[in-house]
Amino acid sequence: MFYTYILLCSDGSFYTGMTSNVKKRMAEHFAMNGKGAKYTRSHPPEKLAAVWQSADRSSACRLEYSIKQLTKQQKIRLVKENDLSVFAGRFSVNDYKRMDISDMAEFT
């Protein structure tokens, strides 16, 4: 399984990434030890906002790229409403499942 995630950063911006291990990747971003993304080193993450599961790396990358093309307002709506319909026509939105992030409480 692969995952696409959105982090809310301390300056109000969003960071989108993908991983095969969400807890490990979040630990890297939040530890600020140089293993997180370059962006999150200068824009410290505040919380994990959303995570979607997909069956393969290609699907996760496709969603990551598509989210990065959205405006900030569209990202806010996506996080709040889990409305993947903005991507309808580009790919099958049924290939993604929004994950419950409550078991990752230390990052929310």
Protein backbone atom coordinates (compact mmCIF):
# COMPACT_ATOMS: atom_id res chain seq x y z
CA MET A 1 0.00 0.00 0.00
CA PHE A 2 1.02 3.57 -0.65
CA TYR A 3 -0.29 6.77 0.87
CA THR A 4 -0.65 10.38 -0.19
CA TYR A 5 -0.77 12.90 2.64
CA ILE A 6 -1.24 16.59 3.30
CA LEU A 7 0.50 18.40 6.16
CA LEU A 8 -0.62 21.75 7.49
CA CYS A 9 2.48 23.84 8.15
CA SER A 10 2.93 26.46 10.86
CA ASP A 11 2.70 29.33 8.35
CA GLY A 12 -0.68 28.09 7.07
CA SER A 13 0.74 26.52 3.91
CA PHE A 14 0.26 22.90 2.90
CA TYR A 15 2.81 20.23 2.05
CA THR A 16 1.77 17.19 0.03
CA GLY A 17 3.78 14.00 -0.20
CA MET A 18 3.55 10.25 -0.64
CA THR A 19 4.99 7.32 1.26
CA SER A 20 4.66 3.61 1.90
CA ASN A 21 4.94 4.10 5.69
CA VAL A 22 2.93 7.04 7.06
CA LYS A 23 4.05 6.85 10.69
CA LYS A 24 7.74 6.67 9.76
CA ARG A 25 7.45 9.54 7.28
CA MET A 26 5.56 11.73 9.77
CA ALA A 27 8.21 11.05 12.39
CA GLU A 28 10.82 12.26 9.89
CA HIS A 29 8.88 15.44 9.08
CA PHE A 30 8.07 16.29 12.70
CA ALA A 31 11.50 15.40 14.13
CA MET A 32 13.13 18.24 12.19
CA ASN A 33 16.30 16.16 11.99
CA GLY A 34 17.02 16.73 8.31
CA LYS A 35 15.22 13.59 7.09
CA GLY A 36 11.97 15.40 6.27
CA ALA A 37 11.42 17.28 3.05
CA LYS A 38 13.37 20.44 2.34
CA TYR A 39 10.08 22.37 2.37
CA THR A 40 9.11 21.19 5.86
CA ARG A 41 12.52 22.14 7.22
CA SER A 42 11.76 25.80 6.47
CA HIS A 43 7.98 25.51 6.99
CA PRO A 44 7.64 23.34 10.12
CA PRO A 45 4.63 21.01 10.01
CA GLU A 46 1.89 21.71 12.51
CA LYS A 47 -0.32 18.68 11.94
CA LEU A 48 -1.22 15.86 9.61
CA ALA A 49 -4.33 17.09 7.80
CA ALA A 50 -5.32 14.15 5.55
CA VAL A 51 -4.14 10.78 4.25
CA TRP A 52 -5.40 8.71 1.30
CA GLN A 53 -4.52 5.08 0.67
CA SER A 54 -3.93 3.71 -2.81
CA ALA A 55 -3.01 0.30 -4.13
CA ASP A 56 0.23 1.22 -5.88
CA ARG A 57 2.98 3.82 -6.07
CA SER A 58 1.82 5.13 -9.42
CA SER A 59 -1.65 5.97 -8.07
CA ALA A 60 -0.20 7.64 -4.99
CA CYS A 61 2.12 9.76 -7.14
CA ARG A 62 -0.75 10.71 -9.44
CA LEU A 63 -2.82 11.96 -6.50
CA GLU A 64 0.18 13.77 -5.00
CA TYR A 65 0.86 15.59 -8.27
CA SER A 66 -2.81 16.45 -8.73
CA ILE A 67 -3.12 17.87 -5.20
CA LYS A 68 -0.02 19.99 -5.75
CA GLN A 69 -1.76 21.58 -8.75
CA LEU A 70 -4.70 22.78 -6.62
CA THR A 71 -5.11 26.26 -5.19
CA LYS A 72 -4.90 26.73 -1.44
CA GLN A 73 -8.70 27.11 -1.24
CA GLN A 74 -9.18 23.85 -3.14
CA LYS A 75 -6.77 22.09 -0.77
CA ILE A 76 -8.68 23.41 2.23
CA ARG A 77 -11.91 22.08 0.75
CA LEU A 78 -10.27 18.74 -0.03
CA VAL A 79 -9.06 18.36 3.56
CA LYS A 80 -12.37 19.44 5.11
CA GLU A 81 -14.78 17.67 2.79
CA ASN A 82 -12.70 14.84 1.30
CA ASP A 83 -14.10 15.93 -2.05
CA LEU A 84 -11.98 14.18 -4.66
CA SER A 85 -14.53 15.05 -7.35
CA VAL A 86 -12.26 17.93 -8.40
CA PHE A 87 -10.14 15.20 -10.04
CA ALA A 88 -13.02 13.47 -11.86
CA GLY A 89 -12.07 12.96 -15.48
CA ARG A 90 -8.33 12.84 -14.71
CA PHE A 91 -8.43 9.48 -12.96
CA SER A 92 -10.78 7.24 -11.02
CA VAL A 93 -11.34 8.79 -7.61
CA ASN A 94 -12.59 5.39 -6.41
CA ASP A 95 -8.96 4.21 -6.40
CA TYR A 96 -8.37 6.18 -3.18
CA LYS A 97 -9.59 5.68 0.36
CA ARG A 98 -9.40 8.43 2.97
CA MET A 99 -7.67 7.07 6.06
CA ASP A 100 -8.69 7.67 9.64
CA ILE A 101 -5.75 9.57 11.12
CA SER A 102 -6.92 9.27 14.72
CA ASP A 103 -4.46 6.40 15.30
CA MET A 104 -1.70 8.88 14.45
CA ALA A 105 -2.82 11.32 17.14
CA GLU A 106 0.69 12.58 17.79
CA PHE A 107 0.66 14.12 14.29
CA THR A 108 -2.87 15.58 14.27
